[in-house]
PDB file of N, CA and C in Angstrom:
ATOM      1  N   UNK A   1      -0.289  -4.149 -15.084  1.00  0.00           N
ATOM      2  CA  UNK A   1       0.844  -4.064 -15.973  1.00  0.00           C
ATOM      3  C   UNK A   1       1.197  -5.437 -16.546  1.00  0.00           C
ATOM      4  N   UNK A   2       1.141  -6.483 -15.734  1.00  0.00           N
ATOM      5  CA  UNK A   2       1.464  -7.828 -16.230  1.00  0.00           C
ATOM      6  C   UNK A   2       0.204  -8.616 -16.558  1.00  0.00           C
ATOM      7  N   UNK A   3      -0.947  -8.039 -16.275  1.00  0.00           N
ATOM      8  CA  UNK A   3      -2.213  -8.704 -16.557  1.00  0.00           C
ATOM      9  C   UNK A   3      -2.735  -9.457 -15.351  1.00  0.00           C
ATOM     10  N   UNK A   4      -4.040  -9.597 -15.327  1.00  0.00           N
ATOM     11  CA  UNK A   4      -4.704 -10.242 -14.189  1.00  0.00           C
ATOM     12  C   UNK A   4      -4.299 -11.700 -14.037  1.00  0.00           C
ATOM     13  N   UNK A   5      -4.121 -12.398 -15.148  1.00  0.00           N
ATOM     14  CA  UNK A   5      -3.760 -13.816 -15.088  1.00  0.00           C
ATOM     15  C   UNK A   5      -2.392 -14.007 -14.432  1.00  0.00           C
ATOM     16  N   UNK A   6      -1.411 -13.227 -14.871  1.00  0.00           N
ATOM     17  CA  UNK A   6      -0.060 -13.336 -14.298  1.00  0.00           C
ATOM     18  C   UNK A   6      -0.055 -12.894 -12.837  1.00  0.00           C
ATOM     19  N   UNK A   7      -0.793 -11.831 -12.522  1.00  0.00           N
ATOM     20  CA  UNK A   7      -0.856 -11.361 -11.136  1.00  0.00           C
ATOM     21  C   UNK A   7      -1.469 -12.435 -10.243  1.00  0.00           C
ATOM     22  N   UNK A   8      -2.510 -13.081 -10.734  1.00  0.00           N
ATOM     23  CA  UNK A   8      -3.138 -14.163  -9.975  1.00  0.00           C
ATOM     24  C   UNK A   8      -2.167 -15.320  -9.758  1.00  0.00           C
ATOM     25  N   UNK A   9      -1.399 -15.641 -10.781  1.00  0.00           N
ATOM     26  CA  UNK A   9      -0.404 -16.718 -10.655  1.00  0.00           C
ATOM     27  C   UNK A   9       0.642 -16.372  -9.609  1.00  0.00           C
ATOM     28  N   UNK A  10       1.066 -15.102  -9.554  1.00  0.00           N
ATOM     29  CA  UNK A  10       2.041 -14.680  -8.537  1.00  0.00           C
ATOM     30  C   UNK A  10       1.467 -14.872  -7.138  1.00  0.00           C
ATOM     31  N   UNK A  11       0.203 -14.486  -6.970  1.00  0.00           N
ATOM     32  CA  UNK A  11      -0.417 -14.551  -5.648  1.00  0.00           C
ATOM     33  C   UNK A  11      -0.732 -15.977  -5.220  1.00  0.00           C
ATOM     34  N   UNK A  12      -0.655 -16.917  -6.154  1.00  0.00           N
ATOM     35  CA  UNK A  12      -0.901 -18.319  -5.826  1.00  0.00           C
ATOM     36  C   UNK A  12       0.380 -19.145  -5.774  1.00  0.00           C
ATOM     37  N   UNK A  13       1.496 -18.576  -6.228  1.00  0.00           N
ATOM     38  CA  UNK A  13       2.763 -19.312  -6.246  1.00  0.00           C
ATOM     39  C   UNK A  13       3.264 -19.510  -4.816  1.00  0.00           C
ATOM     40  N   UNK A  14       3.452 -20.756  -4.416  1.00  0.00           N
ATOM     41  CA  UNK A  14       3.830 -21.063  -3.030  1.00  0.00           C
ATOM     42  C   UNK A  14       5.145 -20.424  -2.624  1.00  0.00           C
ATOM     43  N   UNK A  15       6.084 -20.307  -3.538  1.00  0.00           N
ATOM     44  CA  UNK A  15       7.394 -19.764  -3.181  1.00  0.00           C
ATOM     45  C   UNK A  15       7.473 -18.240  -3.362  1.00  0.00           C
ATOM     46  N   UNK A  16       6.372 -17.608  -3.776  1.00  0.00           N
ATOM     47  CA  UNK A  16       6.370 -16.161  -3.974  1.00  0.00           C
ATOM     48  C   UNK A  16       5.312 -15.442  -3.136  1.00  0.00           C
ATOM     49  N   UNK A  17       4.117 -16.014  -3.059  1.00  0.00           N
ATOM     50  CA  UNK A  17       3.000 -15.357  -2.378  1.00  0.00           C
ATOM     51  C   UNK A  17       3.278 -15.183  -0.890  1.00  0.00           C
ATOM     52  N   UNK A  18       2.954 -13.998  -0.405  1.00  0.00           N
ATOM     53  CA  UNK A  18       3.154 -13.697   1.006  1.00  0.00           C
ATOM     54  C   UNK A  18       4.575 -13.284   1.334  1.00  0.00           C
ATOM     55  N   UNK A  19       5.374 -13.002   0.314  1.00  0.00           N
ATOM     56  CA  UNK A  19       6.782 -12.650   0.525  1.00  0.00           C
ATOM     57  C   UNK A  19       7.116 -11.304  -0.113  1.00  0.00           C
ATOM     58  N   UNK A  20       8.168 -10.697   0.413  1.00  0.00           N
ATOM     59  CA  UNK A  20       8.692  -9.455  -0.146  1.00  0.00           C
ATOM     60  C   UNK A  20       9.961  -9.782  -0.913  1.00  0.00           C
ATOM     61  N   UNK A  21      10.072  -9.223  -2.101  1.00  0.00           N
ATOM     62  CA  UNK A  21      11.232  -9.466  -2.950  1.00  0.00           C
ATOM     63  C   UNK A  21      11.814  -8.155  -3.433  1.00  0.00           C
ATOM     64  N   UNK A  22      13.126  -8.140  -3.565  1.00  0.00           N
ATOM     65  CA  UNK A  22      13.765  -7.042  -4.274  1.00  0.00           C
ATOM     66  C   UNK A  22      13.787  -7.459  -5.736  1.00  0.00           C
ATOM     67  N   UNK A  23      13.116  -6.686  -6.551  1.00  0.00           N
ATOM     68  CA  UNK A  23      13.064  -6.998  -7.972  1.00  0.00           C
ATOM     69  C   UNK A  23      14.413  -6.642  -8.573  1.00  0.00           C
ATOM     70  N   UNK A  24      15.042  -7.582  -9.254  1.00  0.00           N
ATOM     71  CA  UNK A  24      16.365  -7.307  -9.818  1.00  0.00           C
ATOM     72  C   UNK A  24      16.284  -6.259 -10.929  1.00  0.00           C
ATOM     73  N   UNK A  25      17.401  -5.607 -11.157  1.00  0.00           N
ATOM     74  CA  UNK A  25      17.461  -4.612 -12.233  1.00  0.00           C
ATOM     75  C   UNK A  25      17.664  -5.282 -13.585  1.00  0.00           C
ATOM     76  N   UNK A  26      18.077  -6.537 -13.555  1.00  0.00           N
ATOM     77  CA  UNK A  26      18.276  -7.302 -14.788  1.00  0.00           C
ATOM     78  C   UNK A  26      18.036  -8.773 -14.475  1.00  0.00           C
ATOM     79  N   UNK A  27      17.712  -9.531 -15.508  1.00  0.00           N
ATOM     80  CA  UNK A  27      17.440 -10.951 -15.297  1.00  0.00           C
ATOM     81  C   UNK A  27      18.716 -11.787 -15.269  1.00  0.00           C
ATOM     82  N   UNK A  28      19.838 -11.191 -15.509  1.00  0.00           N
ATOM     83  CA  UNK A  28      21.130 -11.881 -15.466  1.00  0.00           C
ATOM     84  C   UNK A  28      21.927 -11.407 -14.259  1.00  0.00           C
ATOM     85  N   UNK A  29      23.023 -12.071 -13.977  1.00  0.00           N
ATOM     86  CA  UNK A  29      23.898 -11.678 -12.874  1.00  0.00           C
ATOM     87  C   UNK A  29      23.262 -11.924 -11.532  1.00  0.00           C
ATOM     88  N   UNK A  30      23.324 -10.916 -10.650  1.00  0.00           N
ATOM     89  CA  UNK A  30      22.811 -11.061  -9.287  1.00  0.00           C
ATOM     90  C   UNK A  30      21.309 -11.333  -9.248  1.00  0.00           C
ATOM     91  N   UNK A  31      20.570 -10.883 -10.247  1.00  0.00           N
ATOM     92  CA  UNK A  31      19.126 -11.056 -10.258  1.00  0.00           C
ATOM     93  C   UNK A  31      18.646 -12.338 -10.901  1.00  0.00           C
ATOM     94  N   UNK A  32      19.578 -13.182 -11.325  1.00  0.00           N
ATOM     95  CA  UNK A  32      19.213 -14.374 -12.084  1.00  0.00           C
ATOM     96  C   UNK A  32      18.329 -15.344 -11.292  1.00  0.00           C
ATOM     97  N   UNK A  33      18.645 -15.551 -10.028  1.00  0.00           N
ATOM     98  CA  UNK A  33      17.875 -16.506  -9.228  1.00  0.00           C
ATOM     99  C   UNK A  33      16.439 -16.013  -9.011  1.00  0.00           C
ATOM    100  N   UNK A  34      16.290 -14.754  -8.632  1.00  0.00           N
ATOM    101  CA  UNK A  34      14.961 -14.188  -8.420  1.00  0.00           C
ATOM    102  C   UNK A  34      14.187 -14.145  -9.732  1.00  0.00           C
ATOM    103  N   UNK A  35      14.851 -13.759 -10.778  1.00  0.00           N
ATOM    104  CA  UNK A  35      14.218 -13.710 -12.097  1.00  0.00           C
ATOM    105  C   UNK A  35      13.707 -15.085 -12.512  1.00  0.00           C
ATOM    106  N   UNK A  36      14.479 -16.113 -12.229  1.00  0.00           N
ATOM    107  CA  UNK A  36      14.080 -17.482 -12.570  1.00  0.00           C
ATOM    108  C   UNK A  36      12.832 -17.906 -11.782  1.00  0.00           C
ATOM    109  N   UNK A  37      12.755 -17.502 -10.499  1.00  0.00           N
ATOM    110  CA  UNK A  37      11.566 -17.810  -9.692  1.00  0.00           C
ATOM    111  C   UNK A  37      10.311 -17.190 -10.307  1.00  0.00           C
ATOM    112  N   UNK A  38      10.440 -15.921 -10.678  1.00  0.00           N
ATOM    113  CA  UNK A  38       9.302 -15.226 -11.268  1.00  0.00           C
ATOM    114  C   UNK A  38       8.950 -15.809 -12.632  1.00  0.00           C
ATOM    115  N   UNK A  39       9.948 -16.094 -13.432  1.00  0.00           N
ATOM    116  CA  UNK A  39       9.702 -16.652 -14.769  1.00  0.00           C
ATOM    117  C   UNK A  39       8.993 -17.992 -14.685  1.00  0.00           C
ATOM    118  N   UNK A  40       9.360 -18.785 -13.708  1.00  0.00           N
ATOM    119  CA  UNK A  40       8.725 -20.088 -13.531  1.00  0.00           C
ATOM    120  C   UNK A  40       7.233 -19.917 -13.215  1.00  0.00           C
ATOM    121  N   UNK A  41       6.900 -18.883 -12.467  1.00  0.00           N
ATOM    122  CA  UNK A  41       5.512 -18.667 -12.069  1.00  0.00           C
ATOM    123  C   UNK A  41       4.679 -17.951 -13.132  1.00  0.00           C
ATOM    124  N   UNK A  42       5.273 -16.948 -13.796  1.00  0.00           N
ATOM    125  CA  UNK A  42       4.469 -16.109 -14.692  1.00  0.00           C
ATOM    126  C   UNK A  42       5.001 -16.008 -16.116  1.00  0.00           C
ATOM    127  N   UNK A  43       6.112 -16.647 -16.376  1.00  0.00           N
ATOM    128  CA  UNK A  43       6.681 -16.589 -17.726  1.00  0.00           C
ATOM    129  C   UNK A  43       7.684 -15.455 -17.865  1.00  0.00           C
ATOM    130  N   UNK A  44       8.527 -15.571 -18.865  1.00  0.00           N
ATOM    131  CA  UNK A  44       9.622 -14.609 -19.017  1.00  0.00           C
ATOM    132  C   UNK A  44       9.145 -13.232 -19.484  1.00  0.00           C
ATOM    133  N   UNK A  45       8.093 -13.186 -20.288  1.00  0.00           N
ATOM    134  CA  UNK A  45       7.608 -11.891 -20.780  1.00  0.00           C
ATOM    135  C   UNK A  45       7.077 -11.027 -19.632  1.00  0.00           C
ATOM    136  N   UNK A  46       6.241 -11.609 -18.768  1.00  0.00           N
ATOM    137  CA  UNK A  46       5.703 -10.874 -17.621  1.00  0.00           C
ATOM    138  C   UNK A  46       6.824 -10.524 -16.638  1.00  0.00           C
ATOM    139  N   UNK A  47       7.781 -11.431 -16.478  1.00  0.00           N
ATOM    140  CA  UNK A  47       8.918 -11.156 -15.594  1.00  0.00           C
ATOM    141  C   UNK A  47       9.722  -9.967 -16.110  1.00  0.00           C
ATOM    142  N   UNK A  48       9.955  -9.921 -17.413  1.00  0.00           N
ATOM    143  CA  UNK A  48      10.682  -8.794 -18.009  1.00  0.00           C
ATOM    144  C   UNK A  48       9.949  -7.475 -17.772  1.00  0.00           C
ATOM    145  N   UNK A  49       8.615  -7.498 -17.827  1.00  0.00           N
ATOM    146  CA  UNK A  49       7.828  -6.291 -17.550  1.00  0.00           C
ATOM    147  C   UNK A  49       8.003  -5.846 -16.101  1.00  0.00           C
ATOM    148  N   UNK A  50       7.988  -6.817 -15.174  1.00  0.00           N
ATOM    149  CA  UNK A  50       8.194  -6.482 -13.758  1.00  0.00           C
ATOM    150  C   UNK A  50       9.571  -5.863 -13.540  1.00  0.00           C
ATOM    151  N   UNK A  51      10.581  -6.475 -14.142  1.00  0.00           N
ATOM    152  CA  UNK A  51      11.954  -5.973 -14.000  1.00  0.00           C
ATOM    153  C   UNK A  51      12.066  -4.574 -14.588  1.00  0.00           C
ATOM    154  N   UNK A  52      11.461  -4.379 -15.742  1.00  0.00           N
ATOM    155  CA  UNK A  52      11.527  -3.079 -16.406  1.00  0.00           C
ATOM    156  C   UNK A  52      10.874  -1.988 -15.551  1.00  0.00           C
ATOM    157  N   UNK A  53       9.751  -2.318 -14.932  1.00  0.00           N
ATOM    158  CA  UNK A  53       9.011  -1.309 -14.175  1.00  0.00           C
ATOM    159  C   UNK A  53       9.482  -1.166 -12.725  1.00  0.00           C
ATOM    160  N   UNK A  54       9.789  -2.291 -12.057  1.00  0.00           N
ATOM    161  CA  UNK A  54      10.103  -2.265 -10.628  1.00  0.00           C
ATOM    162  C   UNK A  54      11.558  -2.590 -10.301  1.00  0.00           C
ATOM    163  N   UNK A  55      12.419  -2.716 -11.302  1.00  0.00           N
ATOM    164  CA  UNK A  55      13.811  -3.091 -11.064  1.00  0.00           C
ATOM    165  C   UNK A  55      14.471  -2.258  -9.982  1.00  0.00           C
ATOM    166  N   UNK A  56      15.015  -2.920  -8.972  1.00  0.00           N
ATOM    167  CA  UNK A  56      15.688  -2.243  -7.864  1.00  0.00           C
ATOM    168  C   UNK A  56      14.770  -1.934  -6.689  1.00  0.00           C
ATOM    169  N   UNK A  57      13.480  -2.149  -6.852  1.00  0.00           N
ATOM    170  CA  UNK A  57      12.526  -1.860  -5.775  1.00  0.00           C
ATOM    171  C   UNK A  57      12.130  -3.141  -5.053  1.00  0.00           C
ATOM    172  N   UNK A  58      11.653  -2.966  -3.826  1.00  0.00           N
ATOM    173  CA  UNK A  58      11.133  -4.091  -3.050  1.00  0.00           C
ATOM    174  C   UNK A  58       9.620  -4.087  -3.212  1.00  0.00           C
ATOM    175  N   UNK A  59       9.064  -5.251  -3.511  1.00  0.00           N
ATOM    176  CA  UNK A  59       7.615  -5.363  -3.618  1.00  0.00           C
ATOM    177  C   UNK A  59       7.139  -6.551  -2.791  1.00  0.00           C
ATOM    178  N   UNK A  60       5.941  -6.412  -2.273  1.00  0.00           N
ATOM    179  CA  UNK A  60       5.307  -7.485  -1.517  1.00  0.00           C
ATOM    180  C   UNK A  60       4.279  -8.134  -2.425  1.00  0.00           C
ATOM    181  N   UNK A  61       4.281  -9.449  -2.482  1.00  0.00           N
ATOM    182  CA  UNK A  61       3.304 -10.195  -3.269  1.00  0.00           C
ATOM    183  C   UNK A  61       2.319 -10.807  -2.289  1.00  0.00           C
ATOM    184  N   UNK A  62       1.097 -10.275  -2.269  1.00  0.00           N
ATOM    185  CA  UNK A  62       0.118 -10.810  -1.312  1.00  0.00           C
ATOM    186  C   UNK A  62      -0.324 -12.210  -1.700  1.00  0.00           C
ATOM    187  N   UNK A  63      -0.785 -12.948  -0.738  1.00  0.00           N
ATOM    188  CA  UNK A  63      -1.399 -14.242  -1.022  1.00  0.00           C
ATOM    189  C   UNK A  63      -2.755 -13.968  -1.653  1.00  0.00           C
ATOM    190  N   UNK A  64      -3.222 -14.884  -2.454  1.00  0.00           N
ATOM    191  CA  UNK A  64      -4.496 -14.709  -3.136  1.00  0.00           C
ATOM    192  C   UNK A  64      -5.618 -14.416  -2.144  1.00  0.00           C
ATOM    193  N   UNK A  65      -5.631 -15.098  -1.011  1.00  0.00           N
ATOM    194  CA  UNK A  65      -6.685 -14.871  -0.028  1.00  0.00           C
ATOM    195  C   UNK A  65      -6.621 -13.462   0.527  1.00  0.00           C
ATOM    196  N   UNK A  66      -5.425 -12.912   0.694  1.00  0.00           N
ATOM    197  CA  UNK A  66      -5.280 -11.533   1.173  1.00  0.00           C
ATOM    198  C   UNK A  66      -5.832 -10.566   0.140  1.00  0.00           C
ATOM    199  N   UNK A  67      -5.552 -10.850  -1.114  1.00  0.00           N
ATOM    200  CA  UNK A  67      -6.026 -10.007  -2.202  1.00  0.00           C
ATOM    201  C   UNK A  67      -7.556 -10.025  -2.259  1.00  0.00           C
ATOM    202  N   UNK A  68      -8.140 -11.206  -2.160  1.00  0.00           N
ATOM    203  CA  UNK A  68      -9.605 -11.312  -2.179  1.00  0.00           C
ATOM    204  C   UNK A  68     -10.218 -10.570  -0.993  1.00  0.00           C
ATOM    205  N   UNK A  69      -9.596 -10.664   0.169  1.00  0.00           N
ATOM    206  CA  UNK A  69     -10.090  -9.966   1.357  1.00  0.00           C
ATOM    207  C   UNK A  69     -10.001  -8.454   1.156  1.00  0.00           C
ATOM    208  N   UNK A  70      -8.901  -7.999   0.584  1.00  0.00           N
ATOM    209  CA  UNK A  70      -8.731  -6.569   0.332  1.00  0.00           C
ATOM    210  C   UNK A  70      -9.814  -6.065  -0.631  1.00  0.00           C
ATOM    211  N   UNK A  71     -10.085  -6.829  -1.698  1.00  0.00           N
ATOM    212  CA  UNK A  71     -11.127  -6.433  -2.643  1.00  0.00           C
ATOM    213  C   UNK A  71     -12.502  -6.424  -1.969  1.00  0.00           C
ATOM    214  N   UNK A  72     -12.775  -7.447  -1.151  1.00  0.00           N
ATOM    215  CA  UNK A  72     -14.044  -7.502  -0.425  1.00  0.00           C
ATOM    216  C   UNK A  72     -14.187  -6.289   0.480  1.00  0.00           C
ATOM    217  N   UNK A  73     -13.119  -5.952   1.212  1.00  0.00           N
ATOM    218  CA  UNK A  73     -13.172  -4.814   2.126  1.00  0.00           C
ATOM    219  C   UNK A  73     -13.409  -3.508   1.377  1.00  0.00           C
ATOM    220  N   UNK A  74     -12.798  -3.367   0.213  1.00  0.00           N
ATOM    221  CA  UNK A  74     -13.033  -2.164  -0.591  1.00  0.00           C
ATOM    222  C   UNK A  74     -14.486  -2.095  -1.066  1.00  0.00           C
ATOM    223  N   UNK A  75     -15.056  -3.242  -1.404  1.00  0.00           N
ATOM    224  CA  UNK A  75     -16.464  -3.270  -1.822  1.00  0.00           C
ATOM    225  C   UNK A  75     -17.375  -2.905  -0.654  1.00  0.00           C
ATOM    226  N   UNK A  76     -17.015  -3.329   0.546  1.00  0.00           N
ATOM    227  CA  UNK A  76     -17.775  -2.961   1.739  1.00  0.00           C
ATOM    228  C   UNK A  76     -17.717  -1.453   1.954  1.00  0.00           C
ATOM    229  N   UNK A  77     -16.529  -0.875   1.836  1.00  0.00           N
ATOM    230  CA  UNK A  77     -16.373   0.570   2.003  1.00  0.00           C
ATOM    231  C   UNK A  77     -17.169   1.318   0.925  1.00  0.00           C
ATOM    232  N   UNK A  78     -17.107   0.826  -0.318  1.00  0.00           N
ATOM    233  CA  UNK A  78     -17.872   1.458  -1.398  1.00  0.00           C
ATOM    234  C   UNK A  78     -19.364   1.447  -1.078  1.00  0.00           C
ATOM    235  N   UNK A  79     -19.863   0.309  -0.625  1.00  0.00           N
ATOM    236  CA  UNK A  79     -21.285   0.197  -0.296  1.00  0.00           C
ATOM    237  C   UNK A  79     -21.653   1.185   0.816  1.00  0.00           C
ATOM    238  N   UNK A  80     -20.799   1.280   1.824  1.00  0.00           N
ATOM    239  CA  UNK A  80     -21.045   2.197   2.933  1.00  0.00           C
ATOM    240  C   UNK A  80     -21.005   3.642   2.442  1.00  0.00           C
ATOM    241  N   UNK A  81     -20.006   3.971   1.620  1.00  0.00           N
ATOM    242  CA  UNK A  81     -19.889   5.330   1.086  1.00  0.00           C
ATOM    243  C   UNK A  81     -21.071   5.703   0.190  1.00  0.00           C
ATOM    244  N   UNK A  82     -21.712   4.695  -0.405  1.00  0.00           N
ATOM    245  CA  UNK A  82     -22.864   4.948  -1.268  1.00  0.00           C
ATOM    246  C   UNK A  82     -24.177   4.955  -0.492  1.00  0.00           C
ATOM    247  N   UNK A  83     -24.098   4.851   0.824  1.00  0.00           N
ATOM    248  CA  UNK A  83     -25.278   5.015   1.659  1.00  0.00           C
ATOM    249  C   UNK A  83     -25.937   3.747   2.164  1.00  0.00           C
ATOM    250  N   UNK A  84     -25.363   2.589   1.880  1.00  0.00           N
ATOM    251  CA  UNK A  84     -25.945   1.354   2.413  1.00  0.00           C
ATOM    252  C   UNK A  84     -25.714   1.309   3.916  1.00  0.00           C
ATOM    253  N   UNK A  85     -26.670   0.780   4.646  1.00  0.00           N
ATOM    254  CA  UNK A  85     -26.515   0.665   6.099  1.00  0.00           C
ATOM    255  C   UNK A  85     -25.585  -0.502   6.418  1.00  0.00           C
ATOM    256  N   UNK A  86     -25.040  -0.467   7.609  1.00  0.00           N
ATOM    257  CA  UNK A  86     -24.159  -1.544   8.063  1.00  0.00           C
ATOM    258  C   UNK A  86     -24.913  -2.867   8.081  1.00  0.00           C
ATOM    259  N   UNK A  87     -26.160  -2.841   8.496  1.00  0.00           N
ATOM    260  CA  UNK A  87     -26.949  -4.078   8.533  1.00  0.00           C
ATOM    261  C   UNK A  87     -27.170  -4.631   7.129  1.00  0.00           C
ATOM    262  N   UNK A  88     -27.436  -3.760   6.153  1.00  0.00           N
ATOM    263  CA  UNK A  88     -27.601  -4.214   4.768  1.00  0.00           C
ATOM    264  C   UNK A  88     -26.306  -4.835   4.249  1.00  0.00           C
ATOM    265  N   UNK A  89     -25.198  -4.168   4.543  1.00  0.00           N
ATOM    266  CA  UNK A  89     -23.891  -4.672   4.098  1.00  0.00           C
ATOM    267  C   UNK A  89     -23.611  -6.024   4.736  1.00  0.00           C
ATOM    268  N   UNK A  90     -23.863  -6.128   6.029  1.00  0.00           N
ATOM    269  CA  UNK A  90     -23.635  -7.392   6.733  1.00  0.00           C
ATOM    270  C   UNK A  90     -24.436  -8.509   6.086  1.00  0.00           C
ATOM    271  N   UNK A  91     -25.654  -8.229   5.739  1.00  0.00           N
ATOM    272  CA  UNK A  91     -26.502  -9.222   5.084  1.00  0.00           C
ATOM    273  C   UNK A  91     -25.962  -9.569   3.693  1.00  0.00           C
ATOM    274  N   UNK A  92     -25.590  -8.564   2.924  1.00  0.00           N
ATOM    275  CA  UNK A  92     -25.076  -8.784   1.561  1.00  0.00           C
ATOM    276  C   UNK A  92     -23.791  -9.605   1.549  1.00  0.00           C
ATOM    277  N   UNK A  93     -22.940  -9.401   2.555  1.00  0.00           N
ATOM    278  CA  UNK A  93     -21.642 -10.074   2.593  1.00  0.00           C
ATOM    279  C   UNK A  93     -21.632 -11.274   3.540  1.00  0.00           C
ATOM    280  N   UNK A  94     -22.794 -11.595   4.083  1.00  0.00           N
ATOM    281  CA  UNK A  94     -22.934 -12.737   4.975  1.00  0.00           C
ATOM    282  C   UNK A  94     -21.937 -12.683   6.136  1.00  0.00           C
ATOM    283  N   UNK A  95     -21.959 -11.558   6.819  1.00  0.00           N
ATOM    284  CA  UNK A  95     -21.079 -11.368   7.973  1.00  0.00           C
ATOM    285  C   UNK A  95     -21.844 -10.599   9.038  1.00  0.00           C
ATOM    286  N   UNK A  96     -21.272 -10.549  10.225  1.00  0.00           N
ATOM    287  CA  UNK A  96     -21.934  -9.836  11.317  1.00  0.00           C
ATOM    288  C   UNK A  96     -21.752  -8.330  11.148  1.00  0.00           C
ATOM    289  N   UNK A  97     -22.661  -7.569  11.772  1.00  0.00           N
ATOM    290  CA  UNK A  97     -22.527  -6.116  11.712  1.00  0.00           C
ATOM    291  C   UNK A  97     -21.256  -5.663  12.439  1.00  0.00           C
ATOM    292  N   UNK A  98     -20.869  -6.386  13.477  1.00  0.00           N
ATOM    293  CA  UNK A  98     -19.628  -6.043  14.192  1.00  0.00           C
ATOM    294  C   UNK A  98     -18.413  -6.177  13.279  1.00  0.00           C
ATOM    295  N   UNK A  99     -18.442  -7.224  12.431  1.00  0.00           N
ATOM    296  CA  UNK A  99     -17.307  -7.414  11.529  1.00  0.00           C
ATOM    297  C   UNK A  99     -17.290  -6.331  10.459  1.00  0.00           C
ATOM    298  N   UNK A 100     -18.459  -5.913   9.980  1.00  0.00           N
ATOM    299  CA  UNK A 100     -18.525  -4.813   9.005  1.00  0.00           C
ATOM    300  C   UNK A 100     -17.950  -3.547   9.626  1.00  0.00           C
ATOM    301  N   UNK A 101     -18.342  -3.257  10.884  1.00  0.00           N
ATOM    302  CA  UNK A 101     -17.782  -2.085  11.561  1.00  0.00           C
ATOM    303  C   UNK A 101     -16.257  -2.187  11.670  1.00  0.00           C
ATOM    304  N   UNK A 102     -15.759  -3.377  11.957  1.00  0.00           N
ATOM    305  CA  UNK A 102     -14.307  -3.576  12.053  1.00  0.00           C
ATOM    306  C   UNK A 102     -13.638  -3.301  10.715  1.00  0.00           C
ATOM    307  N   UNK A 103     -14.229  -3.798   9.632  1.00  0.00           N
ATOM    308  CA  UNK A 103     -13.690  -3.542   8.290  1.00  0.00           C
ATOM    309  C   UNK A 103     -13.687  -2.044   8.012  1.00  0.00           C
ATOM    310  N   UNK A 104     -14.788  -1.375   8.323  1.00  0.00           N
ATOM    311  CA  UNK A 104     -14.880   0.065   8.079  1.00  0.00           C
ATOM    312  C   UNK A 104     -13.869   0.844   8.920  1.00  0.00           C
ATOM    313  N   UNK A 105     -13.621   0.362  10.133  1.00  0.00           N
ATOM    314  CA  UNK A 105     -12.684   1.041  11.029  1.00  0.00           C
ATOM    315  C   UNK A 105     -11.230   0.861  10.570  1.00  0.00           C
ATOM    316  N   UNK A 106     -10.927  -0.271   9.954  1.00  0.00           N
ATOM    317  CA  UNK A 106      -9.525  -0.588   9.636  1.00  0.00           C
ATOM    318  C   UNK A 106      -9.171  -0.440   8.163  1.00  0.00           C
ATOM    319  N   UNK A 107     -10.152  -0.092   7.331  1.00  0.00           N
ATOM    320  CA  UNK A 107      -9.891   0.041   5.904  1.00  0.00           C
ATOM    321  C   UNK A 107      -9.869   1.510   5.531  1.00  0.00           C
ATOM    322  N   UNK A 108      -8.924   1.889   4.702  1.00  0.00           N
ATOM    323  CA  UNK A 108      -8.826   3.268   4.225  1.00  0.00           C
ATOM    324  C   UNK A 108     -10.128   3.607   3.500  1.00  0.00           C
ATOM    325  N   UNK A 109     -10.885   4.528   4.062  1.00  0.00           N
ATOM    326  CA  UNK A 109     -12.201   4.860   3.503  1.00  0.00           C
ATOM    327  C   UNK A 109     -12.105   5.533   2.144  1.00  0.00           C
ATOM    328  N   UNK A 110     -10.952   6.076   1.807  1.00  0.00           N
ATOM    329  CA  UNK A 110     -10.797   6.693   0.479  1.00  0.00           C
ATOM    330  C   UNK A 110     -10.334   5.686  -0.563  1.00  0.00           C
ATOM    331  N   UNK A 111     -10.054   4.438  -0.139  1.00  0.00           N
ATOM    332  CA  UNK A 111      -9.538   3.420  -1.049  1.00  0.00           C
ATOM    333  C   UNK A 111     -10.576   2.978  -2.061  1.00  0.00           C
ATOM    334  N   UNK A 112     -11.826   3.206  -1.784  1.00  0.00           N
ATOM    335  CA  UNK A 112     -12.889   2.709  -2.655  1.00  0.00           C
ATOM    336  C   UNK A 112     -13.558   3.845  -3.407  1.00  0.00           C
ATOM    337  N   UNK A 113     -12.874   4.380  -4.395  1.00  0.00           N
ATOM    338  CA  UNK A 113     -13.462   5.431  -5.237  1.00  0.00           C
ATOM    339  C   UNK A 113     -13.373   5.048  -6.672  1.00  0.00           C
TER     340      UNK A 113
END
């Protein structure tokens, strides 16, 4: 919704990444401080989109490393669902077969469709 560039900036912002925020319903009044934090990181246009879509809701902003790990884990699940063996996956992702099994055990297997 805000674009990959803005989303990446959120996940790299030291004062935002890894935190849960209540998205304000408006950029003025009670939401002014939070809105200013987001605007500083991603600009006012992207912040307005977040407020418009998520105003009043709590959202978690993952750290960039968490996001990359989540994407990697989904790719592992996709490979497994497409018939690749655990050993092939371990080799492709430069990890142990035990770690691949752990990823498969702890990742929603339907997440990669």
